[in-house]
């Protein structure tokens, strides 16, 4: 599994951008990926040193359209904290 398969996209919400100053970045990741796989993928993709990885599983929400109902897809987010001696991720530098 390549790092591009594990890390799907960055999460660019207001709460996620508040963590950029303290080197905390949020990514949407593959649902079956574990913390070790996420850590290795971030280190390979961005060339940084990861201190910790916290994950959150988000179940799908019930949505209705008329009398039909269904669920949105379930997702998984990873909050990655970098070490103090690591450089920040350049992709997010323009967003600060």
N, C-alpha and C. Protein backbone atom coordinates (compact mmCIF):
# COMPACT_ATOMS: atom_id res chain seq x y z
N UNK A 1 0.85 -1.17 0.00
CA UNK A 1 0.00 0.00 0.00
C UNK A 1 0.90 1.24 0.00
N UNK A 2 0.65 2.14 -0.91
CA UNK A 2 1.46 3.35 -1.02
C UNK A 2 0.93 4.43 -0.09
N UNK A 3 1.75 5.44 0.24
CA UNK A 3 1.27 6.53 1.09
C UNK A 3 0.08 7.29 0.49
N UNK A 4 0.03 7.35 -0.84
CA UNK A 4 -1.09 8.04 -1.50
C UNK A 4 -2.40 7.28 -1.33
N UNK A 5 -2.33 5.97 -1.11
CA UNK A 5 -3.54 5.18 -0.86
C UNK A 5 -4.06 5.41 0.56
N UNK A 6 -3.16 5.66 1.50
CA UNK A 6 -3.54 5.79 2.91
C UNK A 6 -4.07 7.19 3.20
N UNK A 7 -3.35 8.22 2.78
CA UNK A 7 -3.77 9.60 3.03
C UNK A 7 -4.60 10.07 1.84
N UNK A 8 -5.88 10.29 2.07
CA UNK A 8 -6.79 10.63 0.98
C UNK A 8 -6.78 12.12 0.65
N UNK A 9 -6.90 12.98 1.68
CA UNK A 9 -6.92 14.43 1.46
C UNK A 9 -6.73 15.14 2.80
N UNK A 10 -6.27 16.39 2.75
CA UNK A 10 -6.18 17.16 3.99
C UNK A 10 -7.55 17.68 4.39
N UNK A 11 -7.74 17.86 5.67
CA UNK A 11 -8.98 18.45 6.19
C UNK A 11 -8.68 19.91 6.46
N UNK A 12 -9.37 20.80 5.77
CA UNK A 12 -9.10 22.23 5.86
C UNK A 12 -10.28 22.98 6.46
N UNK A 13 -10.59 22.65 7.70
CA UNK A 13 -11.63 23.35 8.43
C UNK A 13 -11.00 24.41 9.31
N UNK A 14 -11.82 25.23 9.92
CA UNK A 14 -11.31 26.29 10.80
C UNK A 14 -10.60 25.70 12.01
N UNK A 15 -11.14 24.64 12.57
CA UNK A 15 -10.51 24.01 13.72
C UNK A 15 -9.18 23.34 13.33
N UNK A 16 -9.13 22.76 12.15
CA UNK A 16 -7.90 22.11 11.70
C UNK A 16 -6.80 23.13 11.42
N UNK A 17 -7.15 24.29 10.89
CA UNK A 17 -6.14 25.30 10.59
C UNK A 17 -5.60 25.96 11.85
N UNK A 18 -6.32 25.90 12.96
CA UNK A 18 -5.80 26.45 14.22
C UNK A 18 -4.59 25.66 14.72
N UNK A 19 -4.46 24.41 14.33
CA UNK A 19 -3.36 23.58 14.79
C UNK A 19 -2.08 23.73 14.00
N UNK A 20 -2.10 24.47 12.89
CA UNK A 20 -0.91 24.61 12.06
C UNK A 20 0.25 25.26 12.81
N UNK A 21 -0.04 26.21 13.69
CA UNK A 21 1.02 26.90 14.43
C UNK A 21 1.75 25.95 15.38
N UNK A 22 1.04 24.95 15.93
CA UNK A 22 1.66 23.99 16.84
C UNK A 22 2.01 22.68 16.13
N UNK A 23 2.09 22.72 14.80
CA UNK A 23 2.48 21.57 13.97
C UNK A 23 1.54 20.39 14.13
N UNK A 24 0.24 20.66 14.15
CA UNK A 24 -0.79 19.62 14.18
C UNK A 24 -1.58 19.72 12.88
N UNK A 25 -1.59 18.63 12.12
CA UNK A 25 -2.24 18.61 10.81
C UNK A 25 -3.28 17.50 10.79
N UNK A 26 -4.39 17.74 10.10
CA UNK A 26 -5.50 16.80 10.06
C UNK A 26 -5.66 16.30 8.63
N UNK A 27 -5.80 14.98 8.49
CA UNK A 27 -5.96 14.35 7.19
C UNK A 27 -7.14 13.40 7.23
N UNK A 28 -7.81 13.26 6.09
CA UNK A 28 -8.79 12.21 5.92
C UNK A 28 -8.03 10.99 5.40
N UNK A 29 -8.18 9.85 6.08
CA UNK A 29 -7.37 8.68 5.76
C UNK A 29 -8.26 7.48 5.43
N UNK A 30 -7.63 6.43 4.94
CA UNK A 30 -8.30 5.19 4.64
C UNK A 30 -8.88 4.59 5.92
N UNK A 31 -10.09 4.06 5.85
CA UNK A 31 -10.75 3.56 7.07
C UNK A 31 -10.02 2.38 7.70
N UNK A 32 -9.32 1.59 6.91
CA UNK A 32 -8.65 0.41 7.44
C UNK A 32 -7.21 0.67 7.88
N UNK A 33 -6.72 1.90 7.71
CA UNK A 33 -5.33 2.21 8.06
C UNK A 33 -5.19 2.36 9.58
N UNK A 34 -4.07 1.86 10.12
CA UNK A 34 -3.81 2.02 11.54
C UNK A 34 -2.82 3.18 11.75
N UNK A 35 -2.53 3.48 13.02
CA UNK A 35 -1.69 4.64 13.34
C UNK A 35 -0.28 4.50 12.81
N UNK A 36 0.27 3.30 12.83
CA UNK A 36 1.63 3.09 12.34
C UNK A 36 1.70 3.32 10.83
N UNK A 37 0.73 2.84 10.09
CA UNK A 37 0.70 3.05 8.65
C UNK A 37 0.54 4.52 8.31
N UNK A 38 -0.28 5.24 9.08
CA UNK A 38 -0.48 6.67 8.84
C UNK A 38 0.81 7.43 9.12
N UNK A 39 1.50 7.08 10.19
CA UNK A 39 2.76 7.74 10.54
C UNK A 39 3.79 7.56 9.44
N UNK A 40 3.95 6.35 8.95
CA UNK A 40 4.93 6.08 7.90
C UNK A 40 4.55 6.81 6.61
N UNK A 41 3.26 6.85 6.29
CA UNK A 41 2.80 7.52 5.07
C UNK A 41 3.07 9.03 5.12
N UNK A 42 2.81 9.67 6.26
CA UNK A 42 3.06 11.11 6.38
C UNK A 42 4.55 11.40 6.30
N UNK A 43 5.36 10.58 6.94
CA UNK A 43 6.81 10.80 6.90
C UNK A 43 7.36 10.64 5.49
N UNK A 44 6.85 9.69 4.72
CA UNK A 44 7.33 9.49 3.34
C UNK A 44 6.83 10.58 2.41
N UNK A 45 5.56 10.98 2.54
CA UNK A 45 4.99 11.96 1.62
C UNK A 45 5.57 13.36 1.81
N UNK A 46 5.75 13.78 3.06
CA UNK A 46 6.11 15.16 3.33
C UNK A 46 7.54 15.32 3.86
N UNK A 47 8.24 14.25 4.15
CA UNK A 47 9.61 14.33 4.64
C UNK A 47 9.73 14.99 6.00
N UNK A 48 8.86 14.64 6.93
CA UNK A 48 8.86 15.22 8.28
C UNK A 48 8.98 14.10 9.31
N UNK A 49 9.16 14.49 10.57
CA UNK A 49 9.22 13.52 11.68
C UNK A 49 7.94 13.63 12.49
N UNK A 50 7.24 12.51 12.64
CA UNK A 50 5.95 12.50 13.32
C UNK A 50 6.15 12.12 14.78
N UNK A 51 5.54 12.90 15.67
CA UNK A 51 5.59 12.61 17.10
C UNK A 51 4.46 11.67 17.50
N UNK A 52 3.22 11.99 17.10
CA UNK A 52 2.08 11.15 17.48
C UNK A 52 0.99 11.25 16.42
N UNK A 53 0.13 10.24 16.43
CA UNK A 53 -1.03 10.18 15.53
C UNK A 53 -2.25 9.84 16.37
N UNK A 54 -3.29 10.65 16.27
CA UNK A 54 -4.58 10.37 16.90
C UNK A 54 -5.60 10.17 15.79
N UNK A 55 -6.44 9.16 15.93
CA UNK A 55 -7.42 8.87 14.90
C UNK A 55 -8.84 9.00 15.45
N UNK A 56 -9.76 9.34 14.55
CA UNK A 56 -11.18 9.49 14.89
C UNK A 56 -11.99 8.81 13.80
N UNK A 57 -12.86 7.89 14.19
CA UNK A 57 -13.77 7.26 13.23
C UNK A 57 -15.09 8.01 13.25
N UNK A 58 -15.54 8.42 12.08
CA UNK A 58 -16.77 9.18 11.97
C UNK A 58 -17.81 8.33 11.24
N UNK A 59 -18.86 7.89 11.93
CA UNK A 59 -19.88 7.08 11.26
C UNK A 59 -20.70 7.94 10.29
N UNK A 60 -21.32 7.30 9.33
CA UNK A 60 -22.14 8.01 8.37
C UNK A 60 -23.40 8.57 9.02
N UNK A 61 -23.83 9.72 8.53
CA UNK A 61 -25.04 10.34 9.07
C UNK A 61 -26.25 9.88 8.28
N UNK A 62 -27.38 9.80 8.97
CA UNK A 62 -28.64 9.46 8.33
C UNK A 62 -29.16 10.68 7.60
N UNK A 63 -29.40 10.55 6.31
CA UNK A 63 -29.93 11.64 5.49
C UNK A 63 -31.21 11.19 4.84
N UNK A 64 -32.13 12.13 4.69
CA UNK A 64 -33.41 11.84 4.04
C UNK A 64 -33.58 12.72 2.83
N UNK A 65 -34.18 12.15 1.80
CA UNK A 65 -34.59 12.92 0.63
C UNK A 65 -36.00 12.46 0.31
N UNK A 66 -36.98 13.24 0.77
CA UNK A 66 -38.36 12.83 0.65
C UNK A 66 -38.64 11.68 1.61
N UNK A 67 -39.19 10.61 1.10
CA UNK A 67 -39.44 9.47 1.97
C UNK A 67 -38.31 8.44 1.93
N UNK A 68 -37.31 8.69 1.10
CA UNK A 68 -36.16 7.79 1.03
C UNK A 68 -35.11 8.22 2.04
N UNK A 69 -34.46 7.27 2.64
CA UNK A 69 -33.40 7.60 3.58
C UNK A 69 -32.21 6.69 3.36
N UNK A 70 -31.05 7.20 3.72
CA UNK A 70 -29.81 6.44 3.57
C UNK A 70 -28.73 7.09 4.42
N UNK A 71 -27.56 6.50 4.39
CA UNK A 71 -26.45 6.99 5.20
C UNK A 71 -25.34 7.54 4.29
N UNK A 72 -24.71 8.61 4.73
CA UNK A 72 -23.52 9.10 4.06
C UNK A 72 -22.37 8.14 4.40
N UNK A 73 -21.32 8.14 3.60
CA UNK A 73 -20.22 7.20 3.88
C UNK A 73 -19.52 7.50 5.21
N UNK A 74 -19.10 6.45 5.89
CA UNK A 74 -18.31 6.60 7.11
C UNK A 74 -16.88 6.98 6.71
N UNK A 75 -16.22 7.81 7.53
CA UNK A 75 -14.87 8.26 7.24
C UNK A 75 -13.98 8.10 8.47
N UNK A 76 -12.69 8.35 8.28
CA UNK A 76 -11.73 8.30 9.37
C UNK A 76 -10.79 9.49 9.20
N UNK A 77 -10.54 10.20 10.31
CA UNK A 77 -9.63 11.33 10.30
C UNK A 77 -8.42 10.99 11.17
N UNK A 78 -7.28 11.55 10.80
CA UNK A 78 -6.06 11.39 11.58
C UNK A 78 -5.51 12.77 11.90
N UNK A 79 -5.24 13.03 13.18
CA UNK A 79 -4.61 14.27 13.61
C UNK A 79 -3.15 13.93 13.90
N UNK A 80 -2.26 14.50 13.08
CA UNK A 80 -0.85 14.16 13.14
C UNK A 80 -0.10 15.32 13.79
N UNK A 81 0.66 15.02 14.85
CA UNK A 81 1.48 16.01 15.53
C UNK A 81 2.94 15.75 15.18
N UNK A 82 3.64 16.80 14.73
CA UNK A 82 5.04 16.66 14.36
C UNK A 82 5.94 16.96 15.55
N UNK A 83 7.16 16.47 15.49
CA UNK A 83 8.14 16.76 16.53
C UNK A 83 8.56 18.22 16.47
N UNK A 84 9.11 18.72 17.58
CA UNK A 84 9.53 20.12 17.64
C UNK A 84 10.70 20.39 16.70
N UNK A 85 11.60 19.40 16.51
CA UNK A 85 12.75 19.61 15.64
C UNK A 85 12.44 19.36 14.17
N UNK A 86 11.21 18.97 13.85
CA UNK A 86 10.80 18.72 12.48
C UNK A 86 10.39 20.01 11.80
N UNK A 87 10.59 20.07 10.49
CA UNK A 87 10.14 21.24 9.74
C UNK A 87 8.63 21.13 9.51
N UNK A 88 7.95 22.26 9.35
CA UNK A 88 6.50 22.19 9.08
C UNK A 88 6.24 21.69 7.66
N UNK A 89 5.05 21.23 7.42
CA UNK A 89 4.68 20.74 6.09
C UNK A 89 4.47 21.95 5.19
N UNK A 90 5.19 21.98 4.06
CA UNK A 90 5.17 23.14 3.16
C UNK A 90 3.83 23.34 2.48
N UNK A 91 3.08 22.26 2.29
CA UNK A 91 1.78 22.35 1.64
C UNK A 91 0.83 23.29 2.39
N UNK A 92 0.92 23.29 3.71
CA UNK A 92 0.03 24.09 4.53
C UNK A 92 0.58 25.48 4.85
N UNK A 93 1.78 25.81 4.40
CA UNK A 93 2.41 27.08 4.75
C UNK A 93 1.63 28.27 4.19
N UNK A 94 1.05 28.13 3.01
CA UNK A 94 0.32 29.24 2.39
C UNK A 94 -1.03 29.48 3.07
N UNK A 95 -1.50 28.55 3.85
CA UNK A 95 -2.82 28.68 4.47
C UNK A 95 -2.78 29.37 5.82
N UNK A 96 -1.61 29.65 6.36
CA UNK A 96 -1.52 30.25 7.68
C UNK A 96 -1.74 31.74 7.62
